């Protein structure tokens, strides 16, 4: 489906005036991702279609999870670009990890353009029951640590 964009020509001229030639790689703006908790771990899925698996890097330092990747465009030699809308270049995303995760046991896989990271919840962050003593009828209170 084609859509009319009245600002396309203005945008093209502005980019050329700012030094970006038509058909060059554009800097990626973001790395789309989903983050959810299931059972005893968090799952982060980041979309990285067309990224070389060898360029993907996941690291944890000082409570910060960093994702890096790079997508290259094919050689432009002898190519006349008609449209160039896919981002190329380096992608990076950083997330601050809470204290309720086991940073040493984070694992990652990359398949079909999706980077999946498993972040286990720390045992100390899981809810547990605390027995109350000194009462005629024993009761327990459920507690939960924030993660």
Protein backbone atom coordinates (compact mmCIF):
# COMPACT_ATOMS: atom_id res chain seq x y z
CA UNK A 1 0.00 0.00 0.00
CA UNK A 2 1.39 3.38 -0.98
CA UNK A 3 0.65 6.44 1.07
CA UNK A 4 0.95 10.05 0.06
CA UNK A 5 3.49 11.94 2.13
CA UNK A 6 3.39 15.69 1.39
CA UNK A 7 6.62 16.24 3.37
CA UNK A 8 8.72 13.55 1.66
CA UNK A 9 10.32 15.93 -0.86
CA UNK A 10 10.99 18.56 1.82
CA UNK A 11 12.56 15.90 4.04
CA UNK A 12 14.76 14.68 1.17
CA UNK A 13 15.98 18.21 0.39
CA UNK A 14 16.65 18.92 4.08
CA UNK A 15 18.69 15.71 4.44
CA UNK A 16 20.72 16.56 1.34
CA UNK A 17 21.39 20.09 2.65
CA UNK A 18 22.56 18.61 5.94
CA UNK A 19 25.10 16.44 4.13
CA UNK A 20 23.29 13.12 3.88
CA UNK A 21 23.38 11.80 0.34
CA UNK A 22 20.41 9.90 -1.06
CA UNK A 23 20.78 6.15 -0.51
CA UNK A 24 23.15 6.34 2.45
CA UNK A 25 22.68 4.43 5.67
CA UNK A 26 20.57 6.20 8.26
CA UNK A 27 21.37 5.93 11.93
CA UNK A 28 19.04 3.58 13.79
CA UNK A 29 16.76 5.32 16.25
CA UNK A 30 15.89 2.45 18.58
CA UNK A 31 15.86 -1.28 19.13
CA UNK A 32 12.22 -2.38 19.67
CA UNK A 33 11.84 -4.77 22.56
CA UNK A 34 9.37 -6.50 24.86
CA UNK A 35 10.08 -7.25 28.52
CA UNK A 36 7.90 -9.49 30.68
CA UNK A 37 8.08 -11.72 33.73
CA UNK A 38 7.09 -15.37 33.63
CA UNK A 39 7.59 -17.71 36.56
CA UNK A 40 11.02 -17.20 38.11
CA UNK A 41 12.61 -15.10 35.36
CA UNK A 42 12.21 -12.05 33.14
CA UNK A 43 12.32 -12.37 29.35
CA UNK A 44 13.56 -9.58 27.10
CA UNK A 45 12.95 -9.97 23.34
CA UNK A 46 14.61 -7.41 21.05
CA UNK A 47 13.92 -7.25 17.31
CA UNK A 48 17.13 -7.19 15.28
CA UNK A 49 16.17 -8.31 11.75
CA UNK A 50 19.04 -8.55 9.31
CA UNK A 51 21.69 -8.16 12.00
CA UNK A 52 24.80 -10.30 11.70
CA UNK A 53 24.80 -12.63 14.75
CA UNK A 54 28.54 -12.03 15.13
CA UNK A 55 27.91 -8.33 15.83
CA UNK A 56 25.46 -8.95 18.68
CA UNK A 57 26.91 -8.26 22.13
CA UNK A 58 25.18 -8.53 25.51
CA UNK A 59 26.97 -7.40 28.67
CA UNK A 60 26.22 -6.56 32.31
CA UNK A 61 28.27 -4.04 34.24
CA UNK A 62 27.44 -2.21 37.47
CA UNK A 63 23.78 -3.23 37.30
CA UNK A 64 23.32 -2.12 33.69
CA UNK A 65 22.40 -4.56 30.91
CA UNK A 66 23.76 -3.37 27.55
CA UNK A 67 22.69 -4.73 24.16
CA UNK A 68 24.73 -3.89 21.05
CA UNK A 69 24.35 -4.94 17.43
CA UNK A 70 25.19 -3.73 13.94
CA UNK A 71 23.45 -4.00 10.58
CA UNK A 72 25.37 -3.24 7.39
CA UNK A 73 23.97 -2.27 4.04
CA UNK A 74 25.11 -4.15 0.95
CA UNK A 75 27.90 -2.52 -1.02
CA UNK A 76 26.58 0.58 -2.79
CA UNK A 77 29.08 0.26 -5.63
CA UNK A 78 27.24 0.36 -8.94
CA UNK A 79 23.86 0.62 -7.21
CA UNK A 80 21.25 3.24 -8.01
CA UNK A 81 19.07 3.52 -4.91
CA UNK A 82 15.33 3.88 -5.50
CA UNK A 83 14.43 3.83 -1.81
CA UNK A 84 16.53 3.51 1.33
CA UNK A 85 14.33 3.21 4.40
CA UNK A 86 15.99 0.45 6.43
CA UNK A 87 18.26 1.61 9.20
CA UNK A 88 21.87 0.53 9.12
CA UNK A 89 24.63 1.09 11.59
CA UNK A 90 25.09 0.39 15.28
CA UNK A 91 22.21 -0.26 17.66
CA UNK A 92 22.53 0.04 21.42
CA UNK A 93 20.05 -0.27 24.27
CA UNK A 94 20.73 -0.09 28.00
CA UNK A 95 18.53 -1.12 30.92
CA UNK A 96 19.13 -0.76 34.62
CA UNK A 97 18.71 -4.04 36.47
CA UNK A 98 17.10 -4.10 39.90
CA UNK A 99 18.65 -5.82 42.88
CA UNK A 100 16.15 -8.68 42.63
CA UNK A 101 17.81 -10.43 39.67
CA UNK A 102 20.72 -12.85 39.33
CA UNK A 103 22.97 -10.92 36.96
CA UNK A 104 25.55 -13.75 36.95
CA UNK A 105 23.02 -16.20 35.45
CA UNK A 106 21.66 -14.12 32.55
CA UNK A 107 21.57 -16.05 29.27
CA UNK A 108 20.85 -15.02 25.68
CA UNK A 109 19.92 -16.57 22.33
CA UNK A 110 19.59 -15.04 18.85
CA UNK A 111 17.28 -16.72 16.37
CA UNK A 112 15.27 -15.51 13.37
CA UNK A 113 16.23 -11.87 13.99
CA UNK A 114 15.11 -11.87 17.63
CA UNK A 115 17.53 -11.55 20.55
CA UNK A 116 16.02 -13.28 23.62
CA UNK A 117 17.54 -12.66 27.03
CA UNK A 118 16.55 -14.65 30.13
CA UNK A 119 17.07 -12.78 33.39
CA UNK A 120 16.52 -15.00 36.46
CA UNK A 121 14.85 -13.59 39.56
CA UNK A 122 17.08 -13.81 42.63
CA UNK A 123 15.98 -16.34 45.25
CA UNK A 124 15.93 -13.58 47.87
CA UNK A 125 13.39 -11.66 45.75
CA UNK A 126 10.79 -14.45 45.62
CA UNK A 127 7.77 -14.20 47.93
CA UNK A 128 7.87 -16.41 51.03
CA UNK A 129 5.71 -17.07 54.08
CA UNK A 130 6.82 -15.95 57.53
CA UNK A 131 5.46 -17.81 60.55
CA UNK A 132 4.19 -15.69 63.42
CA UNK A 133 5.03 -17.12 66.84
CA UNK A 134 3.53 -16.30 70.22
CA UNK A 135 -0.10 -16.50 69.11
CA UNK A 136 -2.50 -19.19 70.23
CA UNK A 137 -3.41 -19.97 66.62
CA UNK A 138 -0.37 -19.96 64.37
CA UNK A 139 -0.71 -17.63 61.38
CA UNK A 140 1.59 -16.77 58.55
CA UNK A 141 2.04 -13.61 56.55
CA UNK A 142 3.07 -13.61 52.91
CA UNK A 143 5.82 -11.13 52.06
CA UNK A 144 7.21 -10.00 48.77
CA UNK A 145 10.44 -8.18 48.01
CA UNK A 146 10.33 -5.58 45.27
CA UNK A 147 12.26 -6.55 42.15
